[in-house]
Each structure stands twice: as structure tokens, then as C-alpha cells.
Amino acid sequence: MAGKVTANMSLKQFMMRKQVLDLYRNILRTIREVPGDSNKKELKDWVRADFRSNIHVNDENAVKALLQHGNSFLEELRRSLSMTR
């Protein structure tokens, strides 16, 4: 879903694409707070690979499920970081 924007993209697809990109950016921003350069790199590589492996997903329900999974990961990462402070 996060591939190239085409002229045939519906408004719903466009909005979902925005949600995916926002999630991706928020995860990468949160990873900046992770202590240790090797930990940051490992997490960034894992997130990038995960998003790339799902770039072909176009089914609305599947994208929603992936977004929910990604948001859960982001919240857990934030909770873990808040405990280390």
C-alpha cells in the first residue's frame, strides 16, 4: 500500500496510505530514543524489512490489521523506553 501513488487511488486508499506512512515515521522517530547504536540499527533494519515485505498488500482489511499490529508495536516500544528512563 505504501508504494507509488497512482491516479487510480481512491480516497480511502490514499487515507490508508497516509496512516501507513505516519506509522512508519513515528516508529522511526521513536527508535531514535533507543539506547545503543547497534540496537537502533537492528530495530530500524527490522522495521524497514517488515514494511517492505508488506508493500504489496492492497486488501483494506489486511492493511487495517497490519496498522493495528504496527501501532501495538509502537506503543509497546514507547512503554519500554519510558521504563528505561
Protein backbone atom coordinates (compact mmCIF):
# COMPACT_ATOMS: atom_id res chain seq x y z
CA MET A 1 0.00 0.00 0.00
CA ALA A 2 2.91 2.36 0.64
CA GLY A 3 4.16 2.05 -2.94
CA LYS A 4 3.87 4.67 -5.63
CA VAL A 5 0.81 6.89 -5.69
CA THR A 6 -1.24 6.33 -8.79
CA ALA A 7 -4.02 8.34 -10.39
CA ASN A 8 -6.38 5.39 -9.76
CA MET A 9 -6.02 5.53 -5.99
CA SER A 10 -9.31 6.04 -4.18
CA LEU A 11 -9.69 8.48 -1.31
CA LYS A 12 -9.90 5.58 1.15
CA GLN A 13 -6.67 4.08 -0.23
CA PHE A 14 -5.00 7.48 -0.09
CA MET A 15 -6.00 7.93 3.56
CA MET A 16 -4.81 4.45 4.48
CA ARG A 17 -1.52 5.12 2.72
CA LYS A 18 -1.13 8.25 4.85
CA GLN A 19 -1.77 6.20 8.01
CA VAL A 20 0.89 3.68 6.96
CA LEU A 21 3.46 6.40 6.26
CA ASP A 22 2.64 8.19 9.53
CA LEU A 23 3.08 4.94 11.47
CA TYR A 24 6.40 4.27 9.72
CA ARG A 25 7.69 7.76 10.54
CA ASN A 26 6.52 7.56 14.15
CA ILE A 27 8.23 4.22 14.65
CA LEU A 28 11.49 5.53 13.19
CA ARG A 29 11.28 8.66 15.36
CA THR A 30 10.71 6.56 18.46
CA ILE A 31 13.65 4.30 17.58
CA ARG A 32 15.90 7.38 17.81
CA GLU A 33 15.34 7.28 21.58
CA VAL A 34 16.56 3.68 21.90
CA PRO A 35 19.89 3.49 23.73
CA GLY A 36 22.81 1.96 21.85
CA ASP A 37 23.65 2.41 18.20
CA SER A 38 23.58 -1.32 17.45
CA ASN A 39 20.09 -1.61 18.97
CA LYS A 40 18.86 1.33 16.89
CA LYS A 41 20.29 -0.12 13.70
CA GLU A 42 18.83 -3.55 14.37
CA LEU A 43 15.36 -2.12 15.05
CA LYS A 44 15.47 0.19 12.01
CA ASP A 45 16.53 -2.66 9.74
CA TRP A 46 13.79 -4.90 11.12
CA VAL A 47 11.08 -2.21 10.71
CA ARG A 48 12.18 -1.37 7.17
CA ALA A 49 12.21 -5.03 6.17
CA ASP A 50 8.78 -5.57 7.73
CA PHE A 51 7.25 -2.62 5.89
CA ARG A 52 8.90 -3.61 2.60
CA SER A 53 7.65 -7.18 2.90
CA ASN A 54 4.08 -5.88 3.14
CA ILE A 55 4.28 -3.19 0.46
CA HIS A 56 2.23 -5.32 -1.92
CA VAL A 57 -0.75 -5.63 0.47
CA ASN A 58 -3.77 -3.86 -1.02
CA ASP A 59 -6.65 -5.54 0.80
CA GLU A 60 -8.26 -2.97 3.10
CA ASN A 61 -8.83 -5.43 5.96
CA ALA A 62 -5.28 -6.74 5.75
CA VAL A 63 -3.87 -3.20 5.80
CA LYS A 64 -6.02 -2.35 8.82
CA ALA A 65 -4.77 -5.45 10.62
CA LEU A 66 -1.15 -4.55 9.81
CA LEU A 67 -1.73 -0.98 11.01
CA GLN A 68 -3.17 -2.30 14.25
CA HIS A 69 -0.17 -4.59 14.69
CA GLY A 70 2.22 -1.73 13.95
CA ASN A 71 0.50 0.61 16.38
CA SER A 72 0.66 -2.06 19.08
CA PHE A 73 4.40 -2.44 18.43
CA LEU A 74 4.86 1.34 18.63
CA GLU A 75 3.01 1.59 21.93
CA GLU A 76 4.99 -1.30 23.41
CA LEU A 77 8.25 0.29 22.25
CA ARG A 78 7.24 3.59 23.86
CA ARG A 79 6.31 1.83 27.12
CA SER A 80 9.64 0.01 27.15
CA LEU A 81 11.52 3.25 26.57
CA SER A 82 9.63 5.03 29.34
CA MET A 83 10.65 2.28 31.79
CA THR A 84 14.33 2.75 30.95
CA ARG A 85 14.29 6.43 31.83
